[in-house]
Amino acid sequence: MPISKKIELICNKNFDKVKILGTEVLHQGFCRVEKYTLQTRLFNGSWSSPHTREVVTQRQAAAALPYDPIADVVILIEQFRVGALEFFPQAPWLLEIVAGLMDKKHEHSFEDLVKREMQEEAGLEILTMLPICDCLVSPGILTERIKLYCARVDANKAPQFSGLAHEHEDIRLHLMSSAEAFAAVRSGLVNNVAAIIALQWLELNLTTVKKRL
């Protein structure tokens, strides 16, 4: 079902809060861009004037921070990201955690999705994992929701490079102590949302994670 239809159904159930006056597809490619004309109920009880909002439709995602609790080693992957081009030279090669999108070819659970992506992007097997959070990436414009995990791996089995060539993935792995990874967040070396959330969560829960993972 197109995202506009899903949103319309939701709004119909909440007709006293949101009115969808019209939708228009602006682009259909890897992502879908739609323009909504709508009104929303204001906090004072009145209605807003009709206005437009553009929404980029993205599939749901899952991501995992590879961590070896025995060696106390975090593994980050480095790859090119076109959306970070303007931030050169620190970007567009970013230090990230393993992540992937749901697709119709692979009807996975979120857990199965991150296991597959861990193999493809980091060449590693997930031994166990802990949930971190379920969050909206940028709800002002994106529909994307991401489920984050911390995944136990064996750092001794990490390759230097990984990724699927036919998907134009060129990935380099970086192994570092948890302290080094936390410092990379504070210094700004790690500067993308999923990795920052996962690493800060690990820093806050490090003792518990080492016992449970």
Foldseek 3Di string as FASTA:
>chain_A
DDPVVVVCVVCVVVVQFKDFPDKDWPDDDQKTKMKTWIWGQDPVGHIDDTDIAIAIEFAEKEWEWEAALVVQKTKWKWWADPVCVVVPPLDPTATHTFMDGDDPVDPDDSVVRHQVSCCQFWVWGFPDKDWQDWADQDVSHYPYIYTYIYTYTDPVPTDQWGHDVVVVTTMGMDMDHLVVLQVCVVVCSHPGDRSNSNSVSCVVCVVVVSVVD
